[in-house]
PDB file of N, CA and C in Angstrom:
ATOM      1  N   UNK A   1      39.561  -8.763 -15.835  1.00  0.00           N
ATOM      2  CA  UNK A   1      40.783  -8.284 -16.764  1.00  0.00           C
ATOM      3  C   UNK A   1      40.190  -7.521 -17.750  1.00  0.00           C
ATOM      4  N   UNK A   2      40.696  -6.333 -17.996  1.00  0.00           N
ATOM      5  CA  UNK A   2      40.316  -5.325 -19.153  1.00  0.00           C
ATOM      6  C   UNK A   2      41.123  -5.547 -20.337  1.00  0.00           C
ATOM      7  N   UNK A   3      40.688  -4.947 -21.466  1.00  0.00           N
ATOM      8  CA  UNK A   3      41.417  -5.122 -22.686  1.00  0.00           C
ATOM      9  C   UNK A   3      42.598  -3.932 -22.808  1.00  0.00           C
ATOM     10  N   UNK A   4      43.484  -4.447 -23.442  1.00  0.00           N
ATOM     11  CA  UNK A   4      44.283  -3.321 -23.795  1.00  0.00           C
ATOM     12  C   UNK A   4      44.317  -3.110 -25.198  1.00  0.00           C
ATOM     13  N   UNK A   5      44.361  -1.943 -25.675  1.00  0.00           N
ATOM     14  CA  UNK A   5      44.150  -1.552 -27.148  1.00  0.00           C
ATOM     15  C   UNK A   5      45.402  -0.910 -27.566  1.00  0.00           C
ATOM     16  N   UNK A   6      45.785  -1.087 -28.863  1.00  0.00           N
ATOM     17  CA  UNK A   6      46.787  -0.316 -29.419  1.00  0.00           C
ATOM     18  C   UNK A   6      46.157   0.751 -30.047  1.00  0.00           C
ATOM     19  N   UNK A   7      46.730   1.934 -29.312  1.00  0.00           N
ATOM     20  CA  UNK A   7      46.055   3.403 -29.652  1.00  0.00           C
ATOM     21  C   UNK A   7      46.091   3.621 -31.015  1.00  0.00           C
ATOM     22  N   UNK A   8      47.308   3.286 -31.675  1.00  0.00           N
ATOM     23  CA  UNK A   8      47.276   3.713 -33.147  1.00  0.00           C
ATOM     24  C   UNK A   8      46.242   2.882 -33.908  1.00  0.00           C
ATOM     25  N   UNK A   9      45.769   1.796 -33.539  1.00  0.00           N
ATOM     26  CA  UNK A   9      44.981   0.904 -34.482  1.00  0.00           C
ATOM     27  C   UNK A   9      43.379   1.500 -34.135  1.00  0.00           C
ATOM     28  N   UNK A  10      43.215   1.935 -32.785  1.00  0.00           N
ATOM     29  CA  UNK A  10      41.991   2.628 -32.563  1.00  0.00           C
ATOM     30  C   UNK A  10      41.822   3.817 -33.231  1.00  0.00           C
ATOM     31  N   UNK A  11      42.800   4.566 -33.419  1.00  0.00           N
ATOM     32  CA  UNK A  11      42.793   5.900 -34.186  1.00  0.00           C
ATOM     33  C   UNK A  11      42.450   5.602 -35.783  1.00  0.00           C
ATOM     34  N   UNK A  12      43.278   4.573 -36.128  1.00  0.00           N
ATOM     35  CA  UNK A  12      43.213   4.326 -37.563  1.00  0.00           C
ATOM     36  C   UNK A  12      41.692   3.753 -37.791  1.00  0.00           C
ATOM     37  N   UNK A  13      41.109   2.932 -36.802  1.00  0.00           N
ATOM     38  CA  UNK A  13      39.866   2.561 -37.075  1.00  0.00           C
ATOM     39  C   UNK A  13      38.808   3.628 -37.027  1.00  0.00           C
ATOM     40  N   UNK A  14      38.984   4.543 -36.179  1.00  0.00           N
ATOM     41  CA  UNK A  14      38.131   5.452 -36.279  1.00  0.00           C
ATOM     42  C   UNK A  14      38.076   6.465 -37.569  1.00  0.00           C
ATOM     43  N   UNK A  15      39.204   6.719 -37.987  1.00  0.00           N
ATOM     44  CA  UNK A  15      39.451   7.373 -39.231  1.00  0.00           C
ATOM     45  C   UNK A  15      38.813   6.873 -40.357  1.00  0.00           C
ATOM     46  N   UNK A  16      39.007   5.353 -40.360  1.00  0.00           N
ATOM     47  CA  UNK A  16      38.527   4.370 -41.495  1.00  0.00           C
ATOM     48  C   UNK A  16      37.039   4.507 -41.576  1.00  0.00           C
ATOM     49  N   UNK A  17      36.365   4.361 -40.331  1.00  0.00           N
ATOM     50  CA  UNK A  17      34.954   4.492 -40.079  1.00  0.00           C
ATOM     51  C   UNK A  17      34.462   5.722 -40.628  1.00  0.00           C
ATOM     52  N   UNK A  18      34.988   6.940 -40.343  1.00  0.00           N
ATOM     53  CA  UNK A  18      34.733   8.131 -40.906  1.00  0.00           C
ATOM     54  C   UNK A  18      34.789   8.279 -42.411  1.00  0.00           C
ATOM     55  N   UNK A  19      35.773   7.821 -42.854  1.00  0.00           N
ATOM     56  CA  UNK A  19      35.952   7.767 -44.474  1.00  0.00           C
ATOM     57  C   UNK A  19      34.897   6.772 -45.172  1.00  0.00           C
ATOM     58  N   UNK A  20      34.606   5.770 -44.573  1.00  0.00           N
ATOM     59  CA  UNK A  20      33.721   4.779 -45.256  1.00  0.00           C
ATOM     60  C   UNK A  20      32.349   5.399 -45.148  1.00  0.00           C
ATOM     61  N   UNK A  21      31.931   6.013 -44.020  1.00  0.00           N
ATOM     62  CA  UNK A  21      30.550   6.742 -44.106  1.00  0.00           C
ATOM     63  C   UNK A  21      30.484   7.644 -45.067  1.00  0.00           C
ATOM     64  N   UNK A  22      31.579   8.518 -45.269  1.00  0.00           N
ATOM     65  CA  UNK A  22      31.736   9.671 -46.124  1.00  0.00           C
ATOM     66  C   UNK A  22      31.502   9.270 -47.706  1.00  0.00           C
ATOM     67  N   UNK A  23      32.263   7.962 -47.889  1.00  0.00           N
ATOM     68  CA  UNK A  23      32.080   7.457 -49.295  1.00  0.00           C
ATOM     69  C   UNK A  23      30.750   6.703 -49.591  1.00  0.00           C
ATOM     70  N   UNK A  24      30.121   6.181 -48.470  1.00  0.00           N
ATOM     71  CA  UNK A  24      28.946   5.603 -48.717  1.00  0.00           C
ATOM     72  C   UNK A  24      27.606   6.693 -49.061  1.00  0.00           C
ATOM     73  N   UNK A  25      27.931   7.877 -48.680  1.00  0.00           N
ATOM     74  CA  UNK A  25      26.991   8.963 -48.829  1.00  0.00           C
ATOM     75  C   UNK A  25      26.215   9.113 -47.576  1.00  0.00           C
ATOM     76  N   UNK A  26      26.471   8.230 -46.513  1.00  0.00           N
ATOM     77  CA  UNK A  26      25.736   8.387 -45.236  1.00  0.00           C
ATOM     78  C   UNK A  26      25.945   9.828 -44.608  1.00  0.00           C
ATOM     79  N   UNK A  27      25.194   9.966 -43.714  1.00  0.00           N
ATOM     80  CA  UNK A  27      25.418  11.503 -43.056  1.00  0.00           C
ATOM     81  C   UNK A  27      26.733  11.132 -42.270  1.00  0.00           C
ATOM     82  N   UNK A  28      27.243  12.273 -42.007  1.00  0.00           N
ATOM     83  CA  UNK A  28      28.616  12.367 -41.344  1.00  0.00           C
ATOM     84  C   UNK A  28      28.408  11.795 -39.893  1.00  0.00           C
ATOM     85  N   UNK A  29      29.171  10.830 -39.443  1.00  0.00           N
ATOM     86  CA  UNK A  29      29.227  10.313 -38.064  1.00  0.00           C
ATOM     87  C   UNK A  29      30.026  11.128 -37.130  1.00  0.00           C
ATOM     88  N   UNK A  30      29.371  11.303 -35.846  1.00  0.00           N
ATOM     89  CA  UNK A  30      30.030  11.923 -34.820  1.00  0.00           C
ATOM     90  C   UNK A  30      31.155  10.971 -34.246  1.00  0.00           C
ATOM     91  N   UNK A  31      31.962  11.483 -33.422  1.00  0.00           N
ATOM     92  CA  UNK A  31      32.998  10.652 -32.663  1.00  0.00           C
ATOM     93  C   UNK A  31      32.328   9.636 -31.854  1.00  0.00           C
ATOM     94  N   UNK A  32      31.162  10.216 -31.233  1.00  0.00           N
ATOM     95  CA  UNK A  32      30.418   9.167 -30.270  1.00  0.00           C
ATOM     96  C   UNK A  32      29.857   8.193 -31.062  1.00  0.00           C
ATOM     97  N   UNK A  33      29.328   8.506 -32.302  1.00  0.00           N
ATOM     98  CA  UNK A  33      28.629   7.343 -33.251  1.00  0.00           C
ATOM     99  C   UNK A  33      29.806   6.195 -33.717  1.00  0.00           C
ATOM    100  N   UNK A  34      31.007   6.914 -34.025  1.00  0.00           N
ATOM    101  CA  UNK A  34      32.045   6.094 -34.514  1.00  0.00           C
ATOM    102  C   UNK A  34      32.300   5.095 -33.081  1.00  0.00           C
ATOM    103  N   UNK A  35      32.581   5.620 -31.994  1.00  0.00           N
ATOM    104  CA  UNK A  35      32.831   4.875 -30.883  1.00  0.00           C
ATOM    105  C   UNK A  35      31.825   3.917 -30.619  1.00  0.00           C
ATOM    106  N   UNK A  36      30.610   4.120 -30.547  1.00  0.00           N
ATOM    107  CA  UNK A  36      29.517   3.223 -30.317  1.00  0.00           C
ATOM    108  C   UNK A  36      29.633   2.013 -31.255  1.00  0.00           C
ATOM    109  N   UNK A  37      29.714   2.373 -32.556  1.00  0.00           N
ATOM    110  CA  UNK A  37      29.930   1.335 -33.576  1.00  0.00           C
ATOM    111  C   UNK A  37      30.911   0.488 -33.528  1.00  0.00           C
ATOM    112  N   UNK A  38      32.215   0.822 -33.179  1.00  0.00           N
ATOM    113  CA  UNK A  38      33.315   0.106 -32.928  1.00  0.00           C
ATOM    114  C   UNK A  38      33.205  -0.657 -31.641  1.00  0.00           C
ATOM    115  N   UNK A  39      32.665  -0.115 -30.654  1.00  0.00           N
ATOM    116  CA  UNK A  39      32.446  -0.981 -29.360  1.00  0.00           C
ATOM    117  C   UNK A  39      31.463  -2.060 -29.634  1.00  0.00           C
ATOM    118  N   UNK A  40      30.452  -1.885 -30.431  1.00  0.00           N
ATOM    119  CA  UNK A  40      29.450  -2.863 -30.710  1.00  0.00           C
ATOM    120  C   UNK A  40      29.870  -3.998 -31.437  1.00  0.00           C
ATOM    121  N   UNK A  41      30.753  -3.389 -32.367  1.00  0.00           N
ATOM    122  CA  UNK A  41      31.383  -4.575 -33.422  1.00  0.00           C
ATOM    123  C   UNK A  41      32.167  -5.505 -32.425  1.00  0.00           C
ATOM    124  N   UNK A  42      32.997  -4.963 -31.675  1.00  0.00           N
ATOM    125  CA  UNK A  42      33.907  -5.641 -30.597  1.00  0.00           C
ATOM    126  C   UNK A  42      32.973  -6.396 -29.749  1.00  0.00           C
ATOM    127  N   UNK A  43      32.004  -5.987 -29.095  1.00  0.00           N
ATOM    128  CA  UNK A  43      30.982  -6.705 -28.374  1.00  0.00           C
ATOM    129  C   UNK A  43      30.459  -7.885 -28.992  1.00  0.00           C
ATOM    130  N   UNK A  44      29.949  -7.624 -30.144  1.00  0.00           N
ATOM    131  CA  UNK A  44      29.447  -8.833 -31.127  1.00  0.00           C
ATOM    132  C   UNK A  44      30.437  -9.982 -31.278  1.00  0.00           C
ATOM    133  N   UNK A  45      31.584  -9.508 -31.524  1.00  0.00           N
ATOM    134  CA  UNK A  45      32.821 -10.458 -31.881  1.00  0.00           C
ATOM    135  C   UNK A  45      32.980 -11.222 -30.731  1.00  0.00           C
ATOM    136  N   UNK A  46      32.955 -10.557 -29.429  1.00  0.00           N
ATOM    137  CA  UNK A  46      33.330 -11.230 -28.159  1.00  0.00           C
ATOM    138  C   UNK A  46      32.261 -12.207 -27.753  1.00  0.00           C
ATOM    139  N   UNK A  47      30.976 -11.932 -28.026  1.00  0.00           N
ATOM    140  CA  UNK A  47      29.929 -12.655 -27.359  1.00  0.00           C
ATOM    141  C   UNK A  47      29.287 -13.802 -28.317  1.00  0.00           C
ATOM    142  N   UNK A  48      29.526 -13.484 -29.616  1.00  0.00           N
ATOM    143  CA  UNK A  48      28.923 -14.498 -30.495  1.00  0.00           C
ATOM    144  C   UNK A  48      30.261 -15.337 -31.252  1.00  0.00           C
ATOM    145  N   UNK A  49      30.912 -14.829 -31.983  1.00  0.00           N
ATOM    146  CA  UNK A  49      32.053 -15.214 -32.710  1.00  0.00           C
ATOM    147  C   UNK A  49      32.784 -13.934 -33.460  1.00  0.00           C
ATOM    148  N   UNK A  50      34.053 -14.281 -33.719  1.00  0.00           N
ATOM    149  CA  UNK A  50      34.830 -13.212 -34.304  1.00  0.00           C
ATOM    150  C   UNK A  50      34.234 -12.541 -35.580  1.00  0.00           C
ATOM    151  N   UNK A  51      33.527 -13.448 -36.374  1.00  0.00           N
ATOM    152  CA  UNK A  51      32.926 -12.710 -37.595  1.00  0.00           C
ATOM    153  C   UNK A  51      31.637 -12.122 -37.567  1.00  0.00           C
ATOM    154  N   UNK A  52      31.219 -12.135 -36.193  1.00  0.00           N
ATOM    155  CA  UNK A  52      29.779 -11.543 -35.984  1.00  0.00           C
ATOM    156  C   UNK A  52      29.778 -10.048 -35.866  1.00  0.00           C
ATOM    157  N   UNK A  53      31.034  -9.435 -35.470  1.00  0.00           N
ATOM    158  CA  UNK A  53      31.314  -8.002 -35.541  1.00  0.00           C
ATOM    159  C   UNK A  53      30.816  -7.448 -36.828  1.00  0.00           C
ATOM    160  N   UNK A  54      31.499  -7.663 -38.050  1.00  0.00           N
ATOM    161  CA  UNK A  54      30.865  -7.379 -39.292  1.00  0.00           C
ATOM    162  C   UNK A  54      29.617  -7.515 -39.667  1.00  0.00           C
ATOM    163  N   UNK A  55      29.159  -8.830 -39.178  1.00  0.00           N
ATOM    164  CA  UNK A  55      27.669  -9.156 -39.451  1.00  0.00           C
ATOM    165  C   UNK A  55      26.676  -8.156 -38.724  1.00  0.00           C
ATOM    166  N   UNK A  56      27.255  -7.796 -37.523  1.00  0.00           N
ATOM    167  CA  UNK A  56      26.348  -7.003 -36.730  1.00  0.00           C
ATOM    168  C   UNK A  56      26.268  -5.572 -37.397  1.00  0.00           C
ATOM    169  N   UNK A  57      27.408  -5.046 -37.918  1.00  0.00           N
ATOM    170  CA  UNK A  57      27.422  -3.855 -38.406  1.00  0.00           C
ATOM    171  C   UNK A  57      26.666  -3.702 -39.675  1.00  0.00           C
ATOM    172  N   UNK A  58      26.730  -4.785 -40.444  1.00  0.00           N
ATOM    173  CA  UNK A  58      25.826  -4.742 -41.850  1.00  0.00           C
ATOM    174  C   UNK A  58      24.490  -4.767 -41.406  1.00  0.00           C
ATOM    175  N   UNK A  59      24.017  -5.377 -40.439  1.00  0.00           N
ATOM    176  CA  UNK A  59      22.660  -5.314 -39.851  1.00  0.00           C
ATOM    177  C   UNK A  59      22.269  -3.866 -39.576  1.00  0.00           C
ATOM    178  N   UNK A  60      23.133  -3.283 -38.797  1.00  0.00           N
ATOM    179  CA  UNK A  60      22.870  -1.987 -38.203  1.00  0.00           C
ATOM    180  C   UNK A  60      22.663  -0.948 -39.375  1.00  0.00           C
ATOM    181  N   UNK A  61      23.675  -1.118 -40.553  1.00  0.00           N
ATOM    182  CA  UNK A  61      23.551  -0.334 -41.655  1.00  0.00           C
ATOM    183  C   UNK A  61      22.229  -0.487 -42.443  1.00  0.00           C
ATOM    184  N   UNK A  62      22.030  -1.858 -42.446  1.00  0.00           N
ATOM    185  CA  UNK A  62      20.412  -2.205 -43.216  1.00  0.00           C
ATOM    186  C   UNK A  62      19.394  -1.463 -42.295  1.00  0.00           C
ATOM    187  N   UNK A  63      19.316  -1.476 -40.995  1.00  0.00           N
ATOM    188  CA  UNK A  63      18.299  -0.770 -40.166  1.00  0.00           C
ATOM    189  C   UNK A  63      18.219   0.749 -40.481  1.00  0.00           C
ATOM    190  N   UNK A  64      19.530   1.170 -40.728  1.00  0.00           N
ATOM    191  CA  UNK A  64      19.502   2.677 -40.882  1.00  0.00           C
ATOM    192  C   UNK A  64      18.961   2.947 -42.238  1.00  0.00           C
ATOM    193  N   UNK A  65      19.465   2.239 -43.246  1.00  0.00           N
ATOM    194  CA  UNK A  65      19.122   2.474 -44.439  1.00  0.00           C
ATOM    195  C   UNK A  65      17.694   2.330 -44.860  1.00  0.00           C
ATOM    196  N   UNK A  66      17.033   1.205 -44.273  1.00  0.00           N
ATOM    197  CA  UNK A  66      15.629   1.061 -44.464  1.00  0.00           C
ATOM    198  C   UNK A  66      14.801   1.866 -43.457  1.00  0.00           C
ATOM    199  N   UNK A  67      15.303   2.755 -42.704  1.00  0.00           N
ATOM    200  CA  UNK A  67      14.423   3.445 -41.765  1.00  0.00           C
ATOM    201  C   UNK A  67      13.915   2.922 -40.687  1.00  0.00           C
ATOM    202  N   UNK A  68      14.426   1.518 -40.200  1.00  0.00           N
ATOM    203  CA  UNK A  68      13.997   0.855 -39.004  1.00  0.00           C
ATOM    204  C   UNK A  68      14.604   1.415 -37.803  1.00  0.00           C
ATOM    205  N   UNK A  69      15.487   2.419 -38.144  1.00  0.00           N
ATOM    206  CA  UNK A  69      16.342   3.078 -37.062  1.00  0.00           C
ATOM    207  C   UNK A  69      16.685   4.435 -37.356  1.00  0.00           C
ATOM    208  N   UNK A  70      16.539   5.416 -36.590  1.00  0.00           N
ATOM    209  CA  UNK A  70      16.622   6.785 -36.923  1.00  0.00           C
ATOM    210  C   UNK A  70      18.031   7.312 -36.919  1.00  0.00           C
ATOM    211  N   UNK A  71      18.788   6.541 -36.097  1.00  0.00           N
ATOM    212  CA  UNK A  71      20.259   7.143 -35.957  1.00  0.00           C
ATOM    213  C   UNK A  71      21.099   6.043 -35.702  1.00  0.00           C
ATOM    214  N   UNK A  72      22.561   6.396 -35.901  1.00  0.00           N
ATOM    215  CA  UNK A  72      23.468   5.165 -35.756  1.00  0.00           C
ATOM    216  C   UNK A  72      23.573   4.482 -34.301  1.00  0.00           C
ATOM    217  N   UNK A  73      23.258   5.061 -33.135  1.00  0.00           N
ATOM    218  CA  UNK A  73      23.243   4.501 -31.870  1.00  0.00           C
ATOM    219  C   UNK A  73      22.001   3.527 -31.876  1.00  0.00           C
ATOM    220  N   UNK A  74      20.877   4.111 -32.362  1.00  0.00           N
ATOM    221  CA  UNK A  74      19.715   3.189 -32.347  1.00  0.00           C
ATOM    222  C   UNK A  74      19.846   1.903 -33.157  1.00  0.00           C
ATOM    223  N   UNK A  75      20.551   2.018 -34.340  1.00  0.00           N
ATOM    224  CA  UNK A  75      20.651   1.042 -35.150  1.00  0.00           C
ATOM    225  C   UNK A  75      21.586  -0.022 -34.740  1.00  0.00           C
ATOM    226  N   UNK A  76      22.642   0.353 -33.953  1.00  0.00           N
ATOM    227  CA  UNK A  76      23.618  -0.539 -33.354  1.00  0.00           C
ATOM    228  C   UNK A  76      23.145  -1.308 -32.236  1.00  0.00           C
ATOM    229  N   UNK A  77      22.207  -0.537 -31.343  1.00  0.00           N
ATOM    230  CA  UNK A  77      21.539  -1.175 -30.225  1.00  0.00           C
ATOM    231  C   UNK A  77      20.545  -2.277 -30.710  1.00  0.00           C
ATOM    232  N   UNK A  78      19.812  -1.948 -31.790  1.00  0.00           N
ATOM    233  CA  UNK A  78      18.829  -2.863 -32.319  1.00  0.00           C
ATOM    234  C   UNK A  78      19.536  -3.940 -32.908  1.00  0.00           C
ATOM    235  N   UNK A  79      20.583  -3.837 -33.808  1.00  0.00           N
ATOM    236  CA  UNK A  79      21.311  -4.888 -34.268  1.00  0.00           C
ATOM    237  C   UNK A  79      21.712  -5.917 -33.182  1.00  0.00           C
ATOM    238  N   UNK A  80      22.472  -5.328 -32.147  1.00  0.00           N
ATOM    239  CA  UNK A  80      22.951  -6.277 -31.060  1.00  0.00           C
ATOM    240  C   UNK A  80      21.801  -7.098 -30.427  1.00  0.00           C
ATOM    241  N   UNK A  81      20.636  -6.379 -30.183  1.00  0.00           N
ATOM    242  CA  UNK A  81      19.440  -6.993 -29.643  1.00  0.00           C
ATOM    243  C   UNK A  81      19.007  -8.112 -30.574  1.00  0.00           C
ATOM    244  N   UNK A  82      18.855  -7.855 -31.856  1.00  0.00           N
ATOM    245  CA  UNK A  82      18.452  -8.938 -32.647  1.00  0.00           C
ATOM    246  C   UNK A  82      19.421 -10.128 -32.825  1.00  0.00           C
ATOM    247  N   UNK A  83      20.512  -9.963 -32.536  1.00  0.00           N
ATOM    248  CA  UNK A  83      21.682 -10.915 -32.519  1.00  0.00           C
ATOM    249  C   UNK A  83      21.624 -11.571 -31.215  1.00  0.00           C
ATOM    250  N   UNK A  84      21.083 -11.224 -30.194  1.00  0.00           N
ATOM    251  CA  UNK A  84      20.981 -11.752 -28.839  1.00  0.00           C
ATOM    252  C   UNK A  84      22.287 -11.305 -27.906  1.00  0.00           C
ATOM    253  N   UNK A  85      22.746 -10.134 -28.290  1.00  0.00           N
ATOM    254  CA  UNK A  85      24.043  -9.608 -27.454  1.00  0.00           C
ATOM    255  C   UNK A  85      23.457  -8.426 -26.601  1.00  0.00           C
ATOM    256  N   UNK A  86      23.873  -8.547 -25.371  1.00  0.00           N
ATOM    257  CA  UNK A  86      23.465  -7.457 -24.405  1.00  0.00           C
ATOM    258  C   UNK A  86      24.752  -6.419 -24.699  1.00  0.00           C
ATOM    259  N   UNK A  87      24.103  -5.100 -24.706  1.00  0.00           N
ATOM    260  CA  UNK A  87      24.855  -4.045 -24.942  1.00  0.00           C
ATOM    261  C   UNK A  87      25.710  -3.715 -23.856  1.00  0.00           C
TER     262      UNK A  87
END
């Protein structure tokens, strides 16, 4: 059985992610980057526990900041791997 999503909430989450990246001084995120980040946060929340989504994204952000990942997609994949979540 698949998930059903409130389209308005998904659009709002994408807009929020773009604004958060801009305010943080990070490079502009593409729509694909935002989609991967939101999907990965949801996956971590489903596979570990609800609070794992934000933790996974914090880890991905630190990997990017510290140069351990070169782009958002790589950071997200590495964060999920480090948390033991299959992408």
